[in-house]
Amino acid sequence: MPQRLLFVYNADTGLLPGLKDAFHKILSPATYPCALCAVTYGATSMRPEWRAFIKNLPVPVQFLHRDEFGRAFPQWRGHRLPAAFAVAETGELQPFLTAEEMAGADLNGLMQQVREKLA
């Protein structure tokens, strides 16, 4: 079992990028590039069922935005996002959920994928 899970959004930090993403998600959801954001967030905040789910996982969960992830893990900068990684005690990352797996999932499907991979 990993020491923790790291979910990485395909979006940058900051007020302006956040506003741009919110409008994009509302106006053109089919072309919105972050499947993780799309299913785990409403217009402005994390969905309560996702918040409860991650709180009850057997490992801690961390979230980073694309720009934060690129700074913290430059060797993974080219990895397709959004994605989730299993973090070992050594700090080494292993892919946990791919962008392709996230793209096809709704919130319940995402939670099921996480449960299955942790089992």
Protein backbone atom coordinates (compact mmCIF):
# COMPACT_ATOMS: atom_id res chain seq x y z
CA MET A 1 0.00 0.00 0.00
CA PRO A 2 1.35 3.47 -0.81
CA GLN A 3 2.27 5.89 1.94
CA ARG A 4 -0.05 8.45 0.35
CA LEU A 5 -1.88 9.28 -2.86
CA LEU A 6 -1.10 12.36 -4.90
CA PHE A 7 -3.77 13.67 -7.26
CA VAL A 8 -2.64 16.20 -9.86
CA TYR A 9 -5.08 18.54 -11.57
CA ASN A 10 -4.59 19.53 -15.20
CA ALA A 11 -5.00 23.17 -14.16
CA ASP A 12 -2.74 25.85 -12.70
CA THR A 13 -2.97 27.62 -9.33
CA GLY A 14 -4.10 31.19 -8.88
CA LEU A 15 -7.20 33.34 -9.08
CA LEU A 16 -7.12 34.07 -12.81
CA PRO A 17 -6.52 30.47 -13.90
CA GLY A 18 -9.23 29.37 -11.43
CA LEU A 19 -11.78 31.80 -12.88
CA LYS A 20 -10.87 30.80 -16.42
CA ASP A 21 -11.28 27.12 -15.52
CA ALA A 22 -14.63 27.72 -13.82
CA PHE A 23 -16.03 29.49 -16.87
CA HIS A 24 -14.61 26.87 -19.23
CA LYS A 25 -16.16 24.06 -17.17
CA ILE A 26 -19.57 25.78 -17.25
CA LEU A 27 -19.57 27.05 -20.84
CA SER A 28 -17.90 24.14 -22.60
CA PRO A 29 -17.72 21.07 -20.35
CA ALA A 30 -16.99 18.72 -23.27
CA THR A 31 -13.67 20.48 -23.98
CA TYR A 32 -12.64 21.05 -20.36
CA PRO A 33 -9.12 19.53 -20.03
CA CYS A 34 -9.25 18.39 -16.38
CA ALA A 35 -11.45 15.34 -15.86
CA LEU A 36 -10.41 15.26 -12.20
CA CYS A 37 -11.62 18.84 -11.61
CA ALA A 38 -14.79 18.22 -13.62
CA VAL A 39 -16.00 15.29 -11.50
CA THR A 40 -14.68 16.26 -8.04
CA TYR A 41 -15.60 19.96 -8.03
CA GLY A 42 -18.81 21.87 -8.51
CA ALA A 43 -18.68 25.47 -9.74
CA THR A 44 -16.61 26.69 -6.79
CA SER A 45 -15.92 23.96 -4.25
CA MET A 46 -15.08 20.29 -3.77
CA ARG A 47 -18.08 17.98 -3.93
CA PRO A 48 -19.03 16.81 -0.40
CA GLU A 49 -19.19 13.14 -1.40
CA TRP A 50 -15.61 13.30 -2.79
CA ARG A 51 -14.40 15.14 0.33
CA ALA A 52 -15.93 12.43 2.55
CA PHE A 53 -14.51 9.66 0.34
CA ILE A 54 -10.90 10.88 0.46
CA LYS A 55 -11.16 11.56 4.20
CA ASN A 56 -12.06 7.90 4.78
CA LEU A 57 -9.34 6.34 2.63
CA PRO A 58 -6.71 4.24 4.44
CA VAL A 59 -3.92 6.56 3.19
CA PRO A 60 -3.57 10.34 3.23
CA VAL A 61 -4.37 12.20 0.03
CA GLN A 62 -2.61 15.25 -1.36
CA PHE A 63 -3.63 17.45 -4.30
CA LEU A 64 -1.38 19.54 -6.52
CA HIS A 65 -2.04 21.72 -9.53
CA ARG A 66 -0.08 21.25 -12.75
CA ASP A 67 2.34 24.13 -12.06
CA GLU A 68 3.01 22.99 -8.47
CA PHE A 69 3.55 19.40 -9.61
CA GLY A 70 6.00 20.49 -12.31
CA ARG A 71 8.07 22.39 -9.74
CA ALA A 72 8.00 19.61 -7.14
CA PHE A 73 8.58 16.72 -9.57
CA PRO A 74 10.30 18.11 -12.69
CA GLN A 75 11.11 14.59 -13.91
CA TRP A 76 7.34 13.95 -14.29
CA ARG A 77 6.60 17.23 -16.10
CA GLY A 78 5.78 15.46 -19.37
CA HIS A 79 3.29 13.03 -17.80
CA ARG A 80 -0.26 13.40 -19.11
CA LEU A 81 -2.60 15.06 -16.59
CA PRO A 82 -4.83 14.81 -14.68
CA ALA A 83 -3.35 11.81 -12.94
CA ALA A 84 -2.92 10.21 -9.55
CA PHE A 85 0.28 8.77 -8.15
CA ALA A 86 1.07 6.36 -5.34
CA VAL A 87 3.83 7.86 -3.21
CA ALA A 88 6.25 5.44 -1.57
CA GLU A 89 8.00 6.05 1.77
CA THR A 90 11.07 7.05 -0.24
CA GLY A 91 9.03 9.77 -1.96
CA GLU A 92 9.19 7.90 -5.27
CA LEU A 93 6.08 8.22 -7.46
CA GLN A 94 4.32 5.36 -9.21
CA PRO A 95 1.41 6.01 -11.59
CA PHE A 96 -1.85 5.12 -9.83
CA LEU A 97 -4.57 6.46 -12.15
CA THR A 98 -3.91 7.73 -15.66
CA ALA A 99 -5.49 10.63 -17.51
CA GLU A 100 -7.24 8.07 -19.73
CA GLU A 101 -8.74 6.26 -16.75
CA MET A 102 -9.97 9.53 -15.27
CA ALA A 103 -11.37 10.79 -18.58
CA GLY A 104 -13.92 8.01 -18.79
CA ALA A 105 -15.14 8.16 -15.19
CA ASP A 106 -17.88 10.00 -13.38
CA LEU A 107 -17.46 10.64 -9.64
CA ASN A 108 -18.74 7.21 -8.59
CA GLY A 109 -16.54 5.55 -11.21
CA LEU A 110 -13.49 7.46 -10.01
CA MET A 111 -14.14 6.47 -6.41
CA GLN A 112 -14.57 2.83 -7.48
CA GLN A 113 -11.26 2.90 -9.38
CA VAL A 114 -9.46 4.25 -6.30
CA ARG A 115 -11.04 1.59 -4.06
CA GLU A 116 -10.09 -1.23 -6.44
CA LYS A 117 -6.49 -0.08 -6.85
CA LEU A 118 -6.02 0.27 -3.09
CA ALA A 119 -7.48 -3.20 -2.38
